[in-house]
Amino acid sequence: MRRNRFPSGWNEARVRRVLEHYDRQTEEEAVAEDEAAFRRRDQTVMVVPKPLVPAITRLIERRGPGRQAGSRRPNGALQPPAHKPRRG
């Protein structure tokens, strides 16, 4: 039998806790969690072609732990424009 391999910092107990969390989560809780993730200012959500996912994952891994979150400067180009009232 082949032994399971886990990413650094993970073990079977941690995987089971994560699975248990999502198994017990209601649909409303899942939606709230997703919405909160979309509101974060230090991250972005993108749709990318599936063939690019491995290359993107490797790029993120190369940056090292802790470098993905909390960027120094938010990317204002990707933020929706602020609503400015019209003068009339």
PDB file of N, CA and C in Angstrom:
ATOM      1  N   MET A   1       0.845  -1.175   0.000  1.00  0.00           N
ATOM      2  CA  MET A   1       0.000   0.000   0.000  1.00  0.00           C
ATOM      3  C   MET A   1       0.895   1.244   0.000  1.00  0.00           C
ATOM      4  N   ARG A   2       0.481   2.231  -0.768  1.00  0.00           N
ATOM      5  CA  ARG A   2       1.246   3.467  -0.870  1.00  0.00           C
ATOM      6  C   ARG A   2       0.888   4.404   0.281  1.00  0.00           C
ATOM      7  N   ARG A   3       1.898   5.019   0.861  1.00  0.00           N
ATOM      8  CA  ARG A   3       1.687   5.925   1.980  1.00  0.00           C
ATOM      9  C   ARG A   3       1.299   7.313   1.464  1.00  0.00           C
ATOM     10  N   ASN A   4       0.354   7.973   2.158  1.00  0.00           N
ATOM     11  CA  ASN A   4      -0.060   9.325   1.781  1.00  0.00           C
ATOM     12  C   ASN A   4       1.065  10.310   2.056  1.00  0.00           C
ATOM     13  N   ARG A   5       1.229  11.253   1.146  1.00  0.00           N
ATOM     14  CA  ARG A   5       2.205  12.327   1.345  1.00  0.00           C
ATOM     15  C   ARG A   5       1.438  13.629   1.484  1.00  0.00           C
ATOM     16  N   PHE A   6       1.856  14.452   2.426  1.00  0.00           N
ATOM     17  CA  PHE A   6       1.188  15.716   2.688  1.00  0.00           C
ATOM     18  C   PHE A   6       2.155  16.867   2.439  1.00  0.00           C
ATOM     19  N   PRO A   7       1.624  18.029   2.059  1.00  0.00           N
ATOM     20  CA  PRO A   7       2.488  19.205   1.906  1.00  0.00           C
ATOM     21  C   PRO A   7       3.142  19.559   3.242  1.00  0.00           C
ATOM     22  N   SER A   8       4.195  20.325   3.182  1.00  0.00           N
ATOM     23  CA  SER A   8       4.901  20.758   4.380  1.00  0.00           C
ATOM     24  C   SER A   8       3.924  21.435   5.344  1.00  0.00           C
ATOM     25  N   GLY A   9       3.975  21.038   6.595  1.00  0.00           N
ATOM     26  CA  GLY A   9       3.098  21.627   7.607  1.00  0.00           C
ATOM     27  C   GLY A   9       1.749  20.937   7.730  1.00  0.00           C
ATOM     28  N   TRP A  10       1.475  19.982   6.883  1.00  0.00           N
ATOM     29  CA  TRP A  10       0.211  19.258   6.909  1.00  0.00           C
ATOM     30  C   TRP A  10       0.450  17.829   7.359  1.00  0.00           C
ATOM     31  N   ASN A  11      -0.573  17.239   7.983  1.00  0.00           N
ATOM     32  CA  ASN A  11      -0.548  15.832   8.349  1.00  0.00           C
ATOM     33  C   ASN A  11      -1.978  15.309   8.263  1.00  0.00           C
ATOM     34  N   GLU A  12      -2.148  14.040   8.524  1.00  0.00           N
ATOM     35  CA  GLU A  12      -3.475  13.443   8.388  1.00  0.00           C
ATOM     36  C   GLU A  12      -4.498  14.095   9.310  1.00  0.00           C
ATOM     37  N   ALA A  13      -4.091  14.430  10.522  1.00  0.00           N
ATOM     38  CA  ALA A  13      -5.021  15.047  11.473  1.00  0.00           C
ATOM     39  C   ALA A  13      -5.509  16.398  10.960  1.00  0.00           C
ATOM     40  N   ARG A  14      -4.605  17.182  10.393  1.00  0.00           N
ATOM     41  CA  ARG A  14      -4.991  18.498   9.881  1.00  0.00           C
ATOM     42  C   ARG A  14      -5.945  18.355   8.692  1.00  0.00           C
ATOM     43  N   VAL A  15      -5.663  17.413   7.819  1.00  0.00           N
ATOM     44  CA  VAL A  15      -6.540  17.167   6.669  1.00  0.00           C
ATOM     45  C   VAL A  15      -7.922  16.760   7.147  1.00  0.00           C
ATOM     46  N   ARG A  16      -7.976  15.890   8.139  1.00  0.00           N
ATOM     47  CA  ARG A  16      -9.277  15.451   8.664  1.00  0.00           C
ATOM     48  C   ARG A  16     -10.059  16.613   9.283  1.00  0.00           C
ATOM     49  N   ARG A  17      -9.357  17.521   9.990  1.00  0.00           N
ATOM     50  CA  ARG A  17     -10.035  18.694  10.579  1.00  0.00           C
ATOM     51  C   ARG A  17     -10.626  19.586   9.490  1.00  0.00           C
ATOM     52  N   VAL A  18      -9.880  19.793   8.417  1.00  0.00           N
ATOM     53  CA  VAL A  18     -10.373  20.632   7.315  1.00  0.00           C
ATOM     54  C   VAL A  18     -11.586  19.972   6.668  1.00  0.00           C
ATOM     55  N   LEU A  19     -11.487  18.676   6.396  1.00  0.00           N
ATOM     56  CA  LEU A  19     -12.618  17.961   5.790  1.00  0.00           C
ATOM     57  C   LEU A  19     -13.851  18.006   6.688  1.00  0.00           C
ATOM     58  N   GLU A  20     -13.644  17.825   7.985  1.00  0.00           N
ATOM     59  CA  GLU A  20     -14.750  17.876   8.937  1.00  0.00           C
ATOM     60  C   GLU A  20     -15.403  19.254   8.940  1.00  0.00           C
ATOM     61  N   HIS A  21     -14.593  20.308   8.899  1.00  0.00           N
ATOM     62  CA  HIS A  21     -15.116  21.680   8.865  1.00  0.00           C
ATOM     63  C   HIS A  21     -16.053  21.861   7.676  1.00  0.00           C
ATOM     64  N   TYR A  22     -15.598  21.450   6.493  1.00  0.00           N
ATOM     65  CA  TYR A  22     -16.418  21.660   5.295  1.00  0.00           C
ATOM     66  C   TYR A  22     -17.598  20.698   5.216  1.00  0.00           C
ATOM     67  N   ASP A  23     -17.470  19.504   5.784  1.00  0.00           N
ATOM     68  CA  ASP A  23     -18.599  18.574   5.817  1.00  0.00           C
ATOM     69  C   ASP A  23     -19.728  19.097   6.699  1.00  0.00           C
ATOM     70  N   ARG A  24     -19.377  19.801   7.775  1.00  0.00           N
ATOM     71  CA  ARG A  24     -20.377  20.320   8.716  1.00  0.00           C
ATOM     72  C   ARG A  24     -20.918  21.698   8.316  1.00  0.00           C
ATOM     73  N   GLN A  25     -20.287  22.343   7.390  1.00  0.00           N
ATOM     74  CA  GLN A  25     -20.649  23.711   7.023  1.00  0.00           C
ATOM     75  C   GLN A  25     -21.996  23.742   6.288  1.00  0.00           C
ATOM     76  N   THR A  26     -22.861  24.669   6.696  1.00  0.00           N
ATOM     77  CA  THR A  26     -24.130  24.832   5.993  1.00  0.00           C
ATOM     78  C   THR A  26     -23.885  25.592   4.685  1.00  0.00           C
ATOM     79  N   GLU A  27     -24.850  25.569   3.807  1.00  0.00           N
ATOM     80  CA  GLU A  27     -24.724  26.296   2.544  1.00  0.00           C
ATOM     81  C   GLU A  27     -24.579  27.796   2.793  1.00  0.00           C
ATOM     82  N   GLU A  28     -25.324  28.322   3.775  1.00  0.00           N
ATOM     83  CA  GLU A  28     -25.233  29.744   4.103  1.00  0.00           C
ATOM     84  C   GLU A  28     -23.833  30.104   4.604  1.00  0.00           C
ATOM     85  N   GLU A  29     -23.256  29.241   5.437  1.00  0.00           N
ATOM     86  CA  GLU A  29     -21.902  29.486   5.940  1.00  0.00           C
ATOM     87  C   GLU A  29     -20.874  29.441   4.810  1.00  0.00           C
ATOM     88  N   ALA A  30     -21.075  28.518   3.872  1.00  0.00           N
ATOM     89  CA  ALA A  30     -20.150  28.411   2.734  1.00  0.00           C
ATOM     90  C   ALA A  30     -20.214  29.663   1.867  1.00  0.00           C
ATOM     91  N   VAL A  31     -21.428  30.158   1.622  1.00  0.00           N
ATOM     92  CA  VAL A  31     -21.587  31.376   0.833  1.00  0.00           C
ATOM     93  C   VAL A  31     -20.939  32.559   1.540  1.00  0.00           C
ATOM     94  N   ALA A  32     -21.159  32.674   2.849  1.00  0.00           N
ATOM     95  CA  ALA A  32     -20.562  33.777   3.615  1.00  0.00           C
ATOM     96  C   ALA A  32     -19.037  33.704   3.566  1.00  0.00           C
ATOM     97  N   GLU A  33     -18.480  32.509   3.658  1.00  0.00           N
ATOM     98  CA  GLU A  33     -17.028  32.348   3.592  1.00  0.00           C
ATOM     99  C   GLU A  33     -16.496  32.769   2.218  1.00  0.00           C
ATOM    100  N   ASP A  34     -17.200  32.354   1.154  1.00  0.00           N
ATOM    101  CA  ASP A  34     -16.790  32.747  -0.200  1.00  0.00           C
ATOM    102  C   ASP A  34     -16.873  34.260  -0.383  1.00  0.00           C
ATOM    103  N   GLU A  35     -17.950  34.865   0.070  1.00  0.00           N
ATOM    104  CA  GLU A  35     -18.115  36.314  -0.074  1.00  0.00           C
ATOM    105  C   GLU A  35     -17.030  37.074   0.687  1.00  0.00           C
ATOM    106  N   ALA A  36     -16.674  36.585   1.865  1.00  0.00           N
ATOM    107  CA  ALA A  36     -15.618  37.233   2.648  1.00  0.00           C
ATOM    108  C   ALA A  36     -14.287  37.158   1.902  1.00  0.00           C
ATOM    109  N   ALA A  37     -14.036  36.040   1.243  1.00  0.00           N
ATOM    110  CA  ALA A  37     -12.788  35.897   0.481  1.00  0.00           C
ATOM    111  C   ALA A  37     -12.741  36.897  -0.665  1.00  0.00           C
ATOM    112  N   PHE A  38     -13.869  37.141  -1.320  1.00  0.00           N
ATOM    113  CA  PHE A  38     -13.912  38.095  -2.426  1.00  0.00           C
ATOM    114  C   PHE A  38     -13.727  39.535  -1.958  1.00  0.00           C
ATOM    115  N   ARG A  39     -14.054  39.816  -0.704  1.00  0.00           N
ATOM    116  CA  ARG A  39     -13.922  41.189  -0.182  1.00  0.00           C
ATOM    117  C   ARG A  39     -12.516  41.517   0.297  1.00  0.00           C
ATOM    118  N   ARG A  40     -11.653  40.533   0.445  1.00  0.00           N
ATOM    119  CA  ARG A  40     -10.298  40.794   0.948  1.00  0.00           C
ATOM    120  C   ARG A  40      -9.567  41.744   0.017  1.00  0.00           C
ATOM    121  N   ARG A  41      -8.873  42.699   0.595  1.00  0.00           N
ATOM    122  CA  ARG A  41      -8.123  43.683  -0.184  1.00  0.00           C
ATOM    123  C   ARG A  41      -6.711  43.215  -0.517  1.00  0.00           C
ATOM    124  N   ASP A  42      -6.200  42.226   0.222  1.00  0.00           N
ATOM    125  CA  ASP A  42      -4.827  41.780   0.014  1.00  0.00           C
ATOM    126  C   ASP A  42      -4.716  40.583  -0.926  1.00  0.00           C
ATOM    127  N   GLN A  43      -5.837  40.191  -1.537  1.00  0.00           N
ATOM    128  CA  GLN A  43      -5.838  39.069  -2.469  1.00  0.00           C
ATOM    129  C   GLN A  43      -6.756  39.398  -3.630  1.00  0.00           C
ATOM    130  N   THR A  44      -6.649  38.601  -4.686  1.00  0.00           N
ATOM    131  CA  THR A  44      -7.554  38.756  -5.808  1.00  0.00           C
ATOM    132  C   THR A  44      -7.997  37.383  -6.282  1.00  0.00           C
ATOM    133  N   VAL A  45      -9.114  37.337  -6.939  1.00  0.00           N
ATOM    134  CA  VAL A  45      -9.648  36.104  -7.493  1.00  0.00           C
ATOM    135  C   VAL A  45      -9.657  36.262  -9.003  1.00  0.00           C
ATOM    136  N   MET A  46      -9.119  35.263  -9.693  1.00  0.00           N
ATOM    137  CA  MET A  46      -9.031  35.336 -11.149  1.00  0.00           C
ATOM    138  C   MET A  46      -9.543  34.042 -11.768  1.00  0.00           C
ATOM    139  N   VAL A  47     -10.063  34.149 -12.973  1.00  0.00           N
ATOM    140  CA  VAL A  47     -10.409  32.976 -13.754  1.00  0.00           C
ATOM    141  C   VAL A  47      -9.293  32.825 -14.782  1.00  0.00           C
ATOM    142  N   VAL A  48      -8.661  31.654 -14.769  1.00  0.00           N
ATOM    143  CA  VAL A  48      -7.561  31.398 -15.697  1.00  0.00           C
ATOM    144  C   VAL A  48      -7.804  30.081 -16.413  1.00  0.00           C
ATOM    145  N   PRO A  49      -7.262  29.935 -17.602  1.00  0.00           N
ATOM    146  CA  PRO A  49      -7.398  28.653 -18.297  1.00  0.00           C
ATOM    147  C   PRO A  49      -6.739  27.527 -17.490  1.00  0.00           C
ATOM    148  N   LYS A  50      -7.386  26.371 -17.426  1.00  0.00           N
ATOM    149  CA  LYS A  50      -6.873  25.253 -16.642  1.00  0.00           C
ATOM    150  C   LYS A  50      -5.434  24.877 -16.980  1.00  0.00           C
ATOM    151  N   PRO A  51      -5.032  24.902 -18.240  1.00  0.00           N
ATOM    152  CA  PRO A  51      -3.643  24.522 -18.535  1.00  0.00           C
ATOM    153  C   PRO A  51      -2.607  25.434 -17.870  1.00  0.00           C
ATOM    154  N   LEU A  52      -2.997  26.650 -17.491  1.00  0.00           N
ATOM    155  CA  LEU A  52      -2.058  27.571 -16.841  1.00  0.00           C
ATOM    156  C   LEU A  52      -1.946  27.364 -15.326  1.00  0.00           C
ATOM    157  N   VAL A  53      -2.860  26.629 -14.735  1.00  0.00           N
ATOM    158  CA  VAL A  53      -2.880  26.471 -13.276  1.00  0.00           C
ATOM    159  C   VAL A  53      -1.567  25.905 -12.730  1.00  0.00           C
ATOM    160  N   PRO A  54      -0.998  24.851 -13.302  1.00  0.00           N
ATOM    161  CA  PRO A  54       0.277  24.351 -12.751  1.00  0.00           C
ATOM    162  C   PRO A  54       1.395  25.391 -12.789  1.00  0.00           C
ATOM    163  N   ALA A  55       1.486  26.155 -13.874  1.00  0.00           N
ATOM    164  CA  ALA A  55       2.537  27.179 -13.976  1.00  0.00           C
ATOM    165  C   ALA A  55       2.306  28.285 -12.946  1.00  0.00           C
ATOM    166  N   ILE A  56       1.074  28.684 -12.735  1.00  0.00           N
ATOM    167  CA  ILE A  56       0.754  29.721 -11.751  1.00  0.00           C
ATOM    168  C   ILE A  56       1.058  29.211 -10.351  1.00  0.00           C
ATOM    169  N   THR A  57       0.710  27.963 -10.070  1.00  0.00           N
ATOM    170  CA  THR A  57       0.996  27.375  -8.766  1.00  0.00           C
ATOM    171  C   THR A  57       2.496  27.353  -8.499  1.00  0.00           C
ATOM    172  N   ARG A  58       3.287  26.964  -9.496  1.00  0.00           N
ATOM    173  CA  ARG A  58       4.746  26.955  -9.319  1.00  0.00           C
ATOM    174  C   ARG A  58       5.277  28.358  -9.068  1.00  0.00           C
ATOM    175  N   LEU A  59       4.750  29.346  -9.773  1.00  0.00           N
ATOM    176  CA  LEU A  59       5.178  30.729  -9.580  1.00  0.00           C
ATOM    177  C   LEU A  59       4.894  31.193  -8.153  1.00  0.00           C
ATOM    178  N   ILE A  60       3.723  30.894  -7.643  1.00  0.00           N
ATOM    179  CA  ILE A  60       3.364  31.271  -6.277  1.00  0.00           C
ATOM    180  C   ILE A  60       4.268  30.551  -5.277  1.00  0.00           C
ATOM    181  N   GLU A  61       4.523  29.268  -5.506  1.00  0.00           N
ATOM    182  CA  GLU A  61       5.392  28.506  -4.597  1.00  0.00           C
ATOM    183  C   GLU A  61       6.800  29.074  -4.578  1.00  0.00           C
ATOM    184  N   ARG A  62       7.308  29.526  -5.719  1.00  0.00           N
ATOM    185  CA  ARG A  62       8.656  30.091  -5.791  1.00  0.00           C
ATOM    186  C   ARG A  62       8.793  31.368  -4.980  1.00  0.00           C
ATOM    187  N   ARG A  63       7.704  32.100  -4.838  1.00  0.00           N
ATOM    188  CA  ARG A  63       7.751  33.353  -4.080  1.00  0.00           C
ATOM    189  C   ARG A  63       7.970  33.108  -2.604  1.00  0.00           C
ATOM    190  N   GLY A  64       7.689  31.921  -2.119  1.00  0.00           N
ATOM    191  CA  GLY A  64       7.941  31.581  -0.729  1.00  0.00           C
ATOM    192  C   GLY A  64       6.765  31.875   0.173  1.00  0.00           C
ATOM    193  N   PRO A  65       6.777  31.280   1.365  1.00  0.00           N
ATOM    194  CA  PRO A  65       5.655  31.467   2.297  1.00  0.00           C
ATOM    195  C   PRO A  65       5.561  32.910   2.774  1.00  0.00           C
ATOM    196  N   GLY A  66       4.323  33.369   2.931  1.00  0.00           N
ATOM    197  CA  GLY A  66       4.103  34.700   3.480  1.00  0.00           C
ATOM    198  C   GLY A  66       4.197  35.827   2.477  1.00  0.00           C
ATOM    199  N   ARG A  67       4.634  35.559   1.276  1.00  0.00           N
ATOM    200  CA  ARG A  67       4.784  36.629   0.298  1.00  0.00           C
ATOM    201  C   ARG A  67       3.527  36.826  -0.528  1.00  0.00           C
ATOM    202  N   GLN A  68       2.577  35.888  -0.449  1.00  0.00           N
ATOM    203  CA  GLN A  68       1.369  36.030  -1.236  1.00  0.00           C
ATOM    204  C   GLN A  68       0.395  37.032  -0.617  1.00  0.00           C
ATOM    205  N   ALA A  69       0.290  37.016   0.684  1.00  0.00           N
ATOM    206  CA  ALA A  69      -0.690  37.876   1.346  1.00  0.00           C
ATOM    207  C   ALA A  69      -0.053  39.188   1.773  1.00  0.00           C
ATOM    208  N   GLY A  70      -0.881  40.201   1.871  1.00  0.00           N
ATOM    209  CA  GLY A  70      -0.432  41.485   2.400  1.00  0.00           C
ATOM    210  C   GLY A  70       0.526  42.220   1.498  1.00  0.00           C
ATOM    211  N   SER A  71       0.147  42.401   0.258  1.00  0.00           N
ATOM    212  CA  SER A  71       1.049  43.119  -0.640  1.00  0.00           C
ATOM    213  C   SER A  71       1.248  44.546  -0.145  1.00  0.00           C
ATOM    214  N   ARG A  72       2.366  45.127  -0.522  1.00  0.00           N
ATOM    215  CA  ARG A  72       2.689  46.484  -0.064  1.00  0.00           C
ATOM    216  C   ARG A  72       1.797  47.524  -0.700  1.00  0.00           C
ATOM    217  N   ARG A  73       1.387  47.277  -1.924  1.00  0.00           N
ATOM    218  CA  ARG A  73       0.626  48.279  -2.652  1.00  0.00           C
ATOM    219  C   ARG A  73      -0.540  47.596  -3.352  1.00  0.00           C
ATOM    220  N   PRO A  74      -1.796  47.963  -3.034  1.00  0.00           N
ATOM    221  CA  PRO A  74      -2.923  47.323  -3.708  1.00  0.00           C
ATOM    222  C   PRO A  74      -2.929  47.682  -5.188  1.00  0.00           C
ATOM    223  N   ASN A  75      -3.420  46.772  -5.989  1.00  0.00           N
ATOM    224  CA  ASN A  75      -3.492  46.998  -7.421  1.00  0.00           C
ATOM    225  C   ASN A  75      -4.773  47.764  -7.725  1.00  0.00           C
ATOM    226  N   GLY A  76      -4.682  49.065  -7.757  1.00  0.00           N
ATOM    227  CA  GLY A  76      -5.844  49.918  -7.986  1.00  0.00           C
ATOM    228  C   GLY A  76      -6.475  49.721  -9.346  1.00  0.00           C
ATOM    229  N   ALA A  77      -5.705  49.241 -10.312  1.00  0.00           N
ATOM    230  CA  ALA A  77      -6.242  49.041 -11.654  1.00  0.00           C
ATOM    231  C   ALA A  77      -7.317  47.974 -11.668  1.00  0.00           C
ATOM    232  N   LEU A  78      -7.280  47.050 -10.727  1.00  0.00           N
ATOM    233  CA  LEU A  78      -8.249  45.969 -10.710  1.00  0.00           C
ATOM    234  C   LEU A  78      -9.424  46.244  -9.791  1.00  0.00           C
ATOM    235  N   GLN A  79      -9.411  47.380  -9.111  1.00  0.00           N
ATOM    236  CA  GLN A  79     -10.501  47.731  -8.218  1.00  0.00           C
ATOM    237  C   GLN A  79     -11.599  48.436  -9.022  1.00  0.00           C
ATOM    238  N   PRO A  80     -12.867  48.218  -8.650  1.00  0.00           N
ATOM    239  CA  PRO A  80     -13.924  48.937  -9.363  1.00  0.00           C
ATOM    240  C   PRO A  80     -13.776  50.438  -9.123  1.00  0.00           C
ATOM    241  N   PRO A  81     -14.112  51.249 -10.114  1.00  0.00           N
ATOM    242  CA  PRO A  81     -13.967  52.689  -9.935  1.00  0.00           C
ATOM    243  C   PRO A  81     -14.910  53.190  -8.847  1.00  0.00           C
ATOM    244  N   ALA A  82     -14.443  54.162  -8.103  1.00  0.00           N
ATOM    245  CA  ALA A  82     -15.276  54.746  -7.054  1.00  0.00           C
ATOM    246  C   ALA A  82     -16.408  55.532  -7.709  1.00  0.00           C
ATOM    247  N   HIS A  83     -17.564  55.480  -7.088  1.00  0.00           N
ATOM    248  CA  HIS A  83     -18.721  56.207  -7.615  1.00  0.00           C
ATOM    249  C   HIS A  83     -18.558  57.687  -7.285  1.00  0.00           C
ATOM    250  N   LYS A  84     -18.590  58.508  -8.312  1.00  0.00           N
ATOM    251  CA  LYS A  84     -18.506  59.958  -8.110  1.00  0.00           C
ATOM    252  C   LYS A  84     -19.853  60.570  -8.485  1.00  0.00           C
ATOM    253  N   PRO A  85     -20.433  61.320  -7.559  1.00  0.00           N
ATOM    254  CA  PRO A  85     -21.728  61.928  -7.879  1.00  0.00           C
ATOM    255  C   PRO A  85     -21.590  62.934  -9.007  1.00  0.00           C
ATOM    256  N   ARG A  86     -22.590  62.961  -9.870  1.00  0.00           N
ATOM    257  CA  ARG A  86     -22.580  63.918 -10.986  1.00  0.00           C
ATOM    258  C   ARG A  86     -22.973  65.289 -10.504  1.00  0.00           C
ATOM    259  N   ARG A  87     -22.307  66.266 -11.067  1.00  0.00           N
ATOM    260  CA  ARG A  87     -22.700  67.645 -10.788  1.00  0.00           C
ATOM    261  C   ARG A  87     -23.638  68.074 -11.888  1.00  0.00           C
ATOM    262  N   GLY A  88     -24.675  68.666 -11.503  1.00  0.00           N
ATOM    263  CA  GLY A  88     -25.612  68.982 -12.558  1.00  0.00           C
ATOM    264  C   GLY A  88     -26.269  70.223 -12.387  1.00  0.00           C
TER     265      GLY A  88
END
